[in-house]
C-alpha atoms as a PDB file:
ATOM      1  CA  GLN A   1      -0.030  -0.135   0.150  1.00  0.00           C
ATOM      2  CA  VAL A   2       1.126   3.373  -0.651  1.00  0.00           C
ATOM      3  CA  GLN A   3      -0.207   6.272   1.305  1.00  0.00           C
ATOM      4  CA  LEU A   4       0.017   9.969  -0.509  1.00  0.00           C
ATOM      5  CA  VAL A   5      -0.580  13.498   1.152  1.00  0.00           C
ATOM      6  CA  GLU A   6      -0.529  16.440  -0.918  1.00  0.00           C
ATOM      7  CA  SER A   7       0.121  20.000   0.144  1.00  0.00           C
ATOM      8  CA  GLY A   8       0.757  23.312  -1.275  1.00  0.00           C
ATOM      9  CA  GLY A   9      -2.612  24.560  -2.575  1.00  0.00           C
ATOM     10  CA  GLY A  10      -4.112  27.754  -1.966  1.00  0.00           C
ATOM     11  CA  LEU A  11      -5.577  30.804  -3.500  1.00  0.00           C
ATOM     12  CA  VAL A  12      -3.573  32.878  -6.063  1.00  0.00           C
ATOM     13  CA  GLN A  13      -4.242  35.701  -8.324  1.00  0.00           C
ATOM     14  CA  ALA A  14      -4.127  34.962 -12.203  1.00  0.00           C
ATOM     15  CA  GLY A  15      -0.518  35.027 -13.465  1.00  0.00           C
ATOM     16  CA  GLY A  16       0.848  33.520 -10.136  1.00  0.00           C
ATOM     17  CA  SER A  17       2.502  30.430  -9.206  1.00  0.00           C
ATOM     18  CA  LEU A  18       2.015  27.494  -6.834  1.00  0.00           C
ATOM     19  CA  ARG A  19       4.224  24.548  -6.153  1.00  0.00           C
ATOM     20  CA  LEU A  20       2.133  21.448  -4.884  1.00  0.00           C
ATOM     21  CA  ALA A  21       3.980  18.694  -3.077  1.00  0.00           C
ATOM     22  CA  CYS A  22       3.120  14.963  -2.613  1.00  0.00           C
ATOM     23  CA  ALA A  23       4.644  13.045   0.253  1.00  0.00           C
ATOM     24  CA  ALA A  24       4.428   9.315  -0.220  1.00  0.00           C
ATOM     25  CA  SER A  25       5.067   6.586   2.469  1.00  0.00           C
ATOM     26  CA  GLY A  26       4.287   2.769   2.621  1.00  0.00           C
ATOM     27  CA  ARG A  27       6.212   1.528  -0.464  1.00  0.00           C
ATOM     28  CA  THR A  28       9.412   2.070  -1.939  1.00  0.00           C
ATOM     29  CA  PHE A  29       8.670   5.513  -3.708  1.00  0.00           C
ATOM     30  CA  SER A  30      11.399   5.031  -6.278  1.00  0.00           C
ATOM     31  CA  TRP A  31       9.749   2.207  -7.822  1.00  0.00           C
ATOM     32  CA  LEU A  32       6.465   4.318  -8.568  1.00  0.00           C
ATOM     33  CA  ASP A  33       5.455   6.426 -11.172  1.00  0.00           C
ATOM     34  CA  VAL A  34       3.706   9.600  -9.898  1.00  0.00           C
ATOM     35  CA  GLY A  35       0.988  11.633 -11.645  1.00  0.00           C
ATOM     36  CA  TRP A  36      -0.964  14.754 -10.856  1.00  0.00           C
ATOM     37  CA  PHE A  37      -4.485  15.205 -11.830  1.00  0.00           C
ATOM     38  CA  ARG A  38      -7.302  17.815 -11.192  1.00  0.00           C
ATOM     39  CA  GLN A  39     -10.865  17.859 -11.138  1.00  0.00           C
ATOM     40  CA  ALA A  40     -13.254  21.098 -11.220  1.00  0.00           C
ATOM     41  CA  PRO A  41     -16.879  21.058 -10.270  1.00  0.00           C
ATOM     42  CA  GLY A  42     -18.995  19.431 -12.486  1.00  0.00           C
ATOM     43  CA  LYS A  43     -15.965  18.365 -14.876  1.00  0.00           C
ATOM     44  CA  GLU A  44     -14.132  15.019 -15.368  1.00  0.00           C
ATOM     45  CA  ARG A  45     -10.989  14.312 -13.566  1.00  0.00           C
ATOM     46  CA  GLU A  46      -8.184  15.563 -15.855  1.00  0.00           C
ATOM     47  CA  PHE A  47      -4.674  14.534 -16.233  1.00  0.00           C
ATOM     48  CA  VAL A  48      -1.930  17.242 -15.545  1.00  0.00           C
ATOM     49  CA  ALA A  49       1.346  15.654 -15.400  1.00  0.00           C
ATOM     50  CA  GLY A  50       3.322  12.493 -14.798  1.00  0.00           C
ATOM     51  CA  ILE A  51       6.684  11.421 -14.049  1.00  0.00           C
ATOM     52  CA  ARG A  52       8.525   8.117 -14.416  1.00  0.00           C
ATOM     53  CA  TRP A  53      10.163   6.513 -11.443  1.00  0.00           C
ATOM     54  CA  ILE A  54      13.671   7.509 -12.822  1.00  0.00           C
ATOM     55  CA  ALA A  55      13.191  11.090 -13.323  1.00  0.00           C
ATOM     56  CA  GLY A  56      13.887  12.009 -16.846  1.00  0.00           C
ATOM     57  CA  ARG A  57      10.772  10.866 -18.540  1.00  0.00           C
ATOM     58  CA  THR A  58       7.901  13.483 -17.981  1.00  0.00           C
ATOM     59  CA  SER A  59       4.561  14.382 -19.852  1.00  0.00           C
ATOM     60  CA  SER A  60       1.810  16.982 -19.096  1.00  0.00           C
ATOM     61  CA  GLY A  61      -1.619  17.430 -20.647  1.00  0.00           C
ATOM     62  CA  ASP A  62      -2.521  19.831 -23.280  1.00  0.00           C
ATOM     63  CA  SER A  63      -4.359  22.259 -21.229  1.00  0.00           C
ATOM     64  CA  VAL A  64      -1.255  23.162 -19.056  1.00  0.00           C
ATOM     65  CA  LYS A  65       1.650  22.097 -21.535  1.00  0.00           C
ATOM     66  CA  GLY A  66       4.264  24.705 -20.904  1.00  0.00           C
ATOM     67  CA  ARG A  67       3.036  26.229 -17.631  1.00  0.00           C
ATOM     68  CA  VAL A  68       3.809  23.320 -15.402  1.00  0.00           C
ATOM     69  CA  THR A  69       6.762  21.481 -14.190  1.00  0.00           C
ATOM     70  CA  ILE A  70       6.754  17.886 -12.488  1.00  0.00           C
ATOM     71  CA  SER A  71       9.592  16.677 -10.494  1.00  0.00           C
ATOM     72  CA  ARG A  72      10.550  14.168  -7.724  1.00  0.00           C
ATOM     73  CA  ASP A  73      12.947  13.679  -5.146  1.00  0.00           C
ATOM     74  CA  ASN A  74      13.172  10.118  -4.349  1.00  0.00           C
ATOM     75  CA  ALA A  75      15.476  10.552  -1.026  1.00  0.00           C
ATOM     76  CA  LEU A  76      12.676  12.528   0.277  1.00  0.00           C
ATOM     77  CA  ASN A  77       9.623  10.478  -1.082  1.00  0.00           C
ATOM     78  CA  THR A  78       8.293  13.483  -2.402  1.00  0.00           C
ATOM     79  CA  ALA A  79       7.112  14.670  -5.893  1.00  0.00           C
ATOM     80  CA  TYR A  80       6.321  18.262  -6.848  1.00  0.00           C
ATOM     81  CA  LEU A  81       4.215  19.965  -9.489  1.00  0.00           C
ATOM     82  CA  GLN A  82       5.237  23.588 -10.425  1.00  0.00           C
ATOM     83  CA  LEU A  83       2.256  25.717 -11.676  1.00  0.00           C
ATOM     84  CA  ASN A  84       3.000  28.994 -13.648  1.00  0.00           C
ATOM     85  CA  ASN A  85       0.977  31.841 -15.233  1.00  0.00           C
ATOM     86  CA  LEU A  86      -2.105  30.170 -13.420  1.00  0.00           C
ATOM     87  CA  LYS A  87      -5.449  30.877 -14.898  1.00  0.00           C
ATOM     88  CA  PRO A  88      -9.085  31.071 -13.336  1.00  0.00           C
ATOM     89  CA  GLU A  89      -9.601  27.853 -15.252  1.00  0.00           C
ATOM     90  CA  ASP A  90      -6.935  26.275 -13.355  1.00  0.00           C
ATOM     91  CA  THR A  91      -9.068  26.254 -10.487  1.00  0.00           C
ATOM     92  CA  ALA A  92      -9.695  22.520  -9.183  1.00  0.00           C
ATOM     93  CA  VAL A  93      -8.954  19.918  -6.584  1.00  0.00           C
ATOM     94  CA  TYR A  94      -5.322  18.713  -7.689  1.00  0.00           C
ATOM     95  CA  TYR A  95      -4.573  15.035  -6.724  1.00  0.00           C
ATOM     96  CA  CYS A  96      -1.331  12.963  -6.541  1.00  0.00           C
ATOM     97  CA  ALA A  97      -1.426   9.603  -7.655  1.00  0.00           C
ATOM     98  CA  ALA A  98       0.999   6.719  -7.925  1.00  0.00           C
ATOM     99  CA  ARG A  99       1.316   3.451  -9.683  1.00  0.00           C
ATOM    100  CA  PRO A 100       3.892   0.618 -10.142  1.00  0.00           C
ATOM    101  CA  SER A 101       6.768   1.757 -12.660  1.00  0.00           C
ATOM    102  CA  SER A 102       5.895  -1.463 -14.693  1.00  0.00           C
ATOM    103  CA  THR A 103       2.494   0.121 -15.995  1.00  0.00           C
ATOM    104  CA  ALA A 104       2.633   1.101 -19.529  1.00  0.00           C
ATOM    105  CA  TRP A 105       3.827   4.916 -19.731  1.00  0.00           C
ATOM    106  CA  GLU A 106       0.809   6.145 -22.148  1.00  0.00           C
ATOM    107  CA  SER A 107      -1.627   4.531 -19.514  1.00  0.00           C
ATOM    108  CA  ARG A 108      -3.513   6.993 -17.244  1.00  0.00           C
ATOM    109  CA  LYS A 109      -4.275   4.315 -14.728  1.00  0.00           C
ATOM    110  CA  TYR A 110      -3.099   4.950 -11.310  1.00  0.00           C
ATOM    111  CA  ASP A 111      -3.509   2.743  -8.239  1.00  0.00           C
ATOM    112  CA  TYR A 112      -2.989   4.963  -5.419  1.00  0.00           C
ATOM    113  CA  TRP A 113      -4.327   8.563  -4.645  1.00  0.00           C
ATOM    114  CA  GLY A 114      -4.227  11.160  -2.395  1.00  0.00           C
ATOM    115  CA  GLN A 115      -7.076  13.323  -0.688  1.00  0.00           C
ATOM    116  CA  GLY A 116      -6.473  16.293  -3.168  1.00  0.00           C
ATOM    117  CA  THR A 117      -5.460  19.974  -2.279  1.00  0.00           C
ATOM    118  CA  GLN A 118      -7.603  22.759  -3.548  1.00  0.00           C
ATOM    119  CA  VAL A 119      -6.242  25.274  -5.889  1.00  0.00           C
ATOM    120  CA  THR A 120      -8.127  28.431  -6.423  1.00  0.00           C
ATOM    121  CA  VAL A 121      -7.173  31.068  -9.240  1.00  0.00           C
ATOM    122  CA  SER A 122      -8.689  34.399  -9.029  1.00  0.00           C
ATOM    123  CA  SER A 123      -9.141  36.630 -11.831  1.00  0.00           C
END
């Protein structure tokens, strides 16, 4: 089992930045892929970014491409999501997720989920 706890959400003005953190426990973190998703009220959950267990392979969703950076520190069992040039449409609950690194990279299936952290962007 893996436990994930997100932090770093909050209220920010449009154009601002936030860095979200995802602290993991319960299983060797370095063997896991980590992903970030978000869900706004009335909308489906959306993939934001993912990082392979050996950092160096990353991907991001089309709606945030060029504005987000995903990274990880395996020694700290923590992954990060840097959000820049935030827009009101980025307002959502952001979730951290993890999966075994054996999962196909293109898959959006994740096995473990955190409780989420709220990001609100004011115009």
